[in-house]
C-alpha atoms as a PDB file:
ATOM      1  CA  MET A   1      56.957 115.862  91.748  1.00  0.00           C
ATOM      2  CA  ARG A   2      59.602 114.260  89.538  1.00  0.00           C
ATOM      3  CA  THR A   3      59.976 115.123  85.898  1.00  0.00           C
ATOM      4  CA  GLU A   4      60.049 112.332  83.332  1.00  0.00           C
ATOM      5  CA  GLN A   5      63.822 112.828  82.924  1.00  0.00           C
ATOM      6  CA  GLU A   6      64.391 112.725  86.678  1.00  0.00           C
ATOM      7  CA  GLN A   7      62.524 109.418  86.853  1.00  0.00           C
ATOM      8  CA  LYS A   8      64.701 108.029  84.046  1.00  0.00           C
ATOM      9  CA  ASN A   9      67.831 109.188  85.880  1.00  0.00           C
ATOM     10  CA  LEU A  10      66.654 107.601  89.120  1.00  0.00           C
ATOM     11  CA  ASP A  11      65.714 104.364  87.362  1.00  0.00           C
ATOM     12  CA  LEU A  12      69.134 104.197  85.690  1.00  0.00           C
ATOM     13  CA  VAL A  13      71.036 104.644  88.938  1.00  0.00           C
ATOM     14  CA  LEU A  14      68.835 102.174  90.835  1.00  0.00           C
ATOM     15  CA  GLU A  15      69.280  99.642  88.038  1.00  0.00           C
ATOM     16  CA  MET A  16      73.040 100.187  88.214  1.00  0.00           C
ATOM     17  CA  PHE A  17      72.939  99.697  91.992  1.00  0.00           C
ATOM     18  CA  GLU A  18      71.236  96.316  91.544  1.00  0.00           C
ATOM     19  CA  ALA A  19      73.451  95.199  88.652  1.00  0.00           C
ATOM     20  CA  VAL A  20      76.837  96.633  89.700  1.00  0.00           C
ATOM     21  CA  LEU A  21      77.093  97.782  93.308  1.00  0.00           C
ATOM     22  CA  ARG A  22      75.011  95.181  95.116  1.00  0.00           C
ATOM     23  CA  PRO A  23      76.794  92.194  93.476  1.00  0.00           C
ATOM     24  CA  LEU A  24      80.093  94.114  93.050  1.00  0.00           C
ATOM     25  CA  ASP A  25      79.991  93.140  89.376  1.00  0.00           C
ATOM     26  CA  ALA A  26      82.734  94.891  87.428  1.00  0.00           C
ATOM     27  CA  ASP A  27      81.599  93.242  84.190  1.00  0.00           C
ATOM     28  CA  ALA A  28      78.309  95.193  84.268  1.00  0.00           C
ATOM     29  CA  VAL A  29      79.957  98.620  84.644  1.00  0.00           C
ATOM     30  CA  ASP A  30      80.103  99.520  80.926  1.00  0.00           C
ATOM     31  CA  GLN A  31      76.321  99.300  80.627  1.00  0.00           C
ATOM     32  CA  TYR A  32      75.798 102.170  83.097  1.00  0.00           C
ATOM     33  CA  ILE A  33      79.021 104.143  83.461  1.00  0.00           C
ATOM     34  CA  SER A  34      80.277 106.519  80.767  1.00  0.00           C
ATOM     35  CA  PRO A  35      83.747 105.994  79.257  1.00  0.00           C
ATOM     36  CA  ASP A  36      84.454 109.591  80.388  1.00  0.00           C
ATOM     37  CA  TYR A  37      83.411 108.827  84.000  1.00  0.00           C
ATOM     38  CA  ILE A  38      84.697 111.335  86.560  1.00  0.00           C
ATOM     39  CA  GLN A  39      85.435 109.786  89.950  1.00  0.00           C
ATOM     40  CA  HIS A  40      85.604 111.960  93.071  1.00  0.00           C
ATOM     41  CA  SER A  41      85.767 109.169  95.673  1.00  0.00           C
ATOM     42  CA  ALA A  42      88.931 109.085  97.765  1.00  0.00           C
ATOM     43  CA  LEU A  43      88.695 105.271  97.728  1.00  0.00           C
ATOM     44  CA  ALA A  44      89.130 104.697  93.990  1.00  0.00           C
ATOM     45  CA  GLU A  45      91.398 105.961  91.263  1.00  0.00           C
ATOM     46  CA  PRO A  46      89.850 108.081  88.485  1.00  0.00           C
ATOM     47  CA  GLY A  47      88.071 106.578  85.502  1.00  0.00           C
ATOM     48  CA  ARG A  48      85.816 103.716  84.503  1.00  0.00           C
ATOM     49  CA  GLU A  49      88.570 101.102  84.213  1.00  0.00           C
ATOM     50  CA  ALA A  50      89.810 101.964  87.705  1.00  0.00           C
ATOM     51  CA  LEU A  51      86.258 101.530  89.010  1.00  0.00           C
ATOM     52  CA  LYS A  52      86.138  98.038  87.512  1.00  0.00           C
ATOM     53  CA  ALA A  53      89.482  97.160  89.096  1.00  0.00           C
ATOM     54  CA  TYR A  54      88.296  98.513  92.456  1.00  0.00           C
ATOM     55  CA  LEU A  55      85.080  96.467  92.311  1.00  0.00           C
ATOM     56  CA  ARG A  56      87.048  93.305  91.515  1.00  0.00           C
ATOM     57  CA  VAL A  57      89.304  93.835  94.533  1.00  0.00           C
ATOM     58  CA  ILE A  58      86.375  94.518  96.888  1.00  0.00           C
ATOM     59  CA  GLN A  59      84.418  91.533  95.549  1.00  0.00           C
ATOM     60  CA  LYS A  60      87.416  89.268  96.111  1.00  0.00           C
ATOM     61  CA  GLN A  61      88.063  90.626  99.620  1.00  0.00           C
ATOM     62  CA  HIS A  62      84.388  90.621 100.659  1.00  0.00           C
ATOM     63  CA  PRO A  63      82.449  88.057  98.602  1.00  0.00           C
ATOM     64  CA  ASN A  64      79.573  88.055 101.116  1.00  0.00           C
ATOM     65  CA  ALA A  65      79.178  91.835 101.337  1.00  0.00           C
ATOM     66  CA  THR A  66      75.647  93.218 101.472  1.00  0.00           C
ATOM     67  CA  GLN A  67      74.277  96.620 100.540  1.00  0.00           C
ATOM     68  CA  ASP A  68      70.881  97.552 101.972  1.00  0.00           C
ATOM     69  CA  MET A  69      69.230 100.555 100.281  1.00  0.00           C
ATOM     70  CA  LYS A  70      67.621 102.943 102.755  1.00  0.00           C
ATOM     71  CA  ARG A  71      66.513 105.870 100.593  1.00  0.00           C
ATOM     72  CA  CYS A  72      67.098 107.559  97.260  1.00  0.00           C
ATOM     73  CA  PHE A  73      66.562 111.049  95.893  1.00  0.00           C
ATOM     74  CA  VAL A  74      66.729 112.716  92.508  1.00  0.00           C
ATOM     75  CA  ASP A  75      67.212 116.376  91.643  1.00  0.00           C
ATOM     76  CA  GLY A  76      67.609 117.071  87.948  1.00  0.00           C
ATOM     77  CA  ASP A  77      70.669 115.213  86.710  1.00  0.00           C
ATOM     78  CA  HIS A  78      71.818 114.192  90.209  1.00  0.00           C
ATOM     79  CA  VAL A  79      70.735 111.004  91.971  1.00  0.00           C
ATOM     80  CA  ILE A  80      71.551 110.357  95.623  1.00  0.00           C
ATOM     81  CA  LEU A  81      71.567 106.917  97.262  1.00  0.00           C
ATOM     82  CA  HIS A  82      71.774 106.287 101.019  1.00  0.00           C
ATOM     83  CA  TYR A  83      72.560 102.700 101.959  1.00  0.00           C
ATOM     84  CA  HIS A  84      74.053 100.408 104.610  1.00  0.00           C
ATOM     85  CA  VAL A  85      77.073  98.298 103.688  1.00  0.00           C
ATOM     86  CA  LYS A  86      78.151  95.209 105.615  1.00  0.00           C
ATOM     87  CA  PRO A  87      81.465  94.022 104.173  1.00  0.00           C
ATOM     88  CA  ASP A  88      81.098  90.676 105.945  1.00  0.00           C
ATOM     89  CA  PRO A  89      78.282  88.889 107.814  1.00  0.00           C
ATOM     90  CA  GLY A  90      78.248  89.936 111.452  1.00  0.00           C
ATOM     91  CA  ASP A  91      80.041  93.213 110.714  1.00  0.00           C
ATOM     92  CA  VAL A  92      78.024  96.308 111.746  1.00  0.00           C
ATOM     93  CA  GLY A  93      79.367  97.995 108.634  1.00  0.00           C
ATOM     94  CA  PHE A  94      79.096 101.571 107.488  1.00  0.00           C
ATOM     95  CA  VAL A  95      76.697 103.937 105.779  1.00  0.00           C
ATOM     96  CA  VAL A  96      77.261 105.335 102.292  1.00  0.00           C
ATOM     97  CA  VAL A  97      75.778 108.341 100.553  1.00  0.00           C
ATOM     98  CA  ASP A  98      76.572 108.211  96.840  1.00  0.00           C
ATOM     99  CA  ILE A  99      75.886 111.124  94.533  1.00  0.00           C
ATOM    100  CA  PHE A 100      75.760 110.390  90.822  1.00  0.00           C
ATOM    101  CA  ARG A 101      75.416 112.783  87.889  1.00  0.00           C
ATOM    102  CA  VAL A 102      73.650 111.417  84.841  1.00  0.00           C
ATOM    103  CA  GLU A 103      74.049 112.701  81.292  1.00  0.00           C
ATOM    104  CA  ASP A 104      72.645 111.223  78.073  1.00  0.00           C
ATOM    105  CA  GLY A 105      71.483 108.031  79.801  1.00  0.00           C
ATOM    106  CA  MET A 106      74.841 107.221  81.438  1.00  0.00           C
ATOM    107  CA  ILE A 107      76.419 107.903  84.822  1.00  0.00           C
ATOM    108  CA  VAL A 108      79.165 110.438  84.175  1.00  0.00           C
ATOM    109  CA  GLU A 109      80.258 111.538  87.649  1.00  0.00           C
ATOM    110  CA  HIS A 110      80.340 110.218  91.228  1.00  0.00           C
ATOM    111  CA  TRP A 111      80.962 111.501  94.757  1.00  0.00           C
ATOM    112  CA  ASP A 112      80.591 109.605  98.030  1.00  0.00           C
ATOM    113  CA  VAL A 113      80.524 110.062 101.785  1.00  0.00           C
ATOM    114  CA  LEU A 114      81.041 107.149 104.198  1.00  0.00           C
ATOM    115  CA  GLN A 115      80.333 106.903 107.913  1.00  0.00           C
ATOM    116  CA  ASP A 116      81.168 104.038 110.248  1.00  0.00           C
ATOM    117  CA  ILE A 117      78.259 102.766 112.315  1.00  0.00           C
ATOM    118  CA  VAL A 118      78.806 103.376 116.013  1.00  0.00           C
ATOM    119  CA  THR A 119      76.910 101.000 118.277  1.00  0.00           C
ATOM    120  CA  ASP A 120      77.758 102.608 121.620  1.00  0.00           C
ATOM    121  CA  GLY A 121      77.526 106.322 120.794  1.00  0.00           C
ATOM    122  CA  PRO A 122      75.478 108.925 122.638  1.00  0.00           C
ATOM    123  CA  ASN A 123      72.769 109.182 119.973  1.00  0.00           C
ATOM    124  CA  PRO A 124      70.159 106.387 120.030  1.00  0.00           C
ATOM    125  CA  ASN A 125      68.895 107.278 116.533  1.00  0.00           C
ATOM    126  CA  PRO A 126      70.276 105.046 113.770  1.00  0.00           C
ATOM    127  CA  VAL A 127      72.430 106.517 110.998  1.00  0.00           C
ATOM    128  CA  CYS A 128      70.671 104.467 108.375  1.00  0.00           C
END
């Protein structure tokens, strides 16, 4: 059973997903991401401003990208999202697991793991 704080943390991250990650909206970042944001992703430079710049590049390169949420988890101050990204229509895409740490109502830290979707592999079970 989730605590009240865990539910708030989950709600914050899911709201951020809908406002920032799904539309790749850099202008909405400040509402959810702390100025002292710690980035662990190998795909983006450290810090909140670098995240905004990264989102702007991705949005420009892939304006029709889609992100389909599969599942989410919360454990204390950590929220985990598992979702399917298709950079362009018709692309099989990749799967992302994002881990966010929340503190004082803001996202303060982020890690991610990405996996390409293989359509002709030996395992018939989907990765997402």
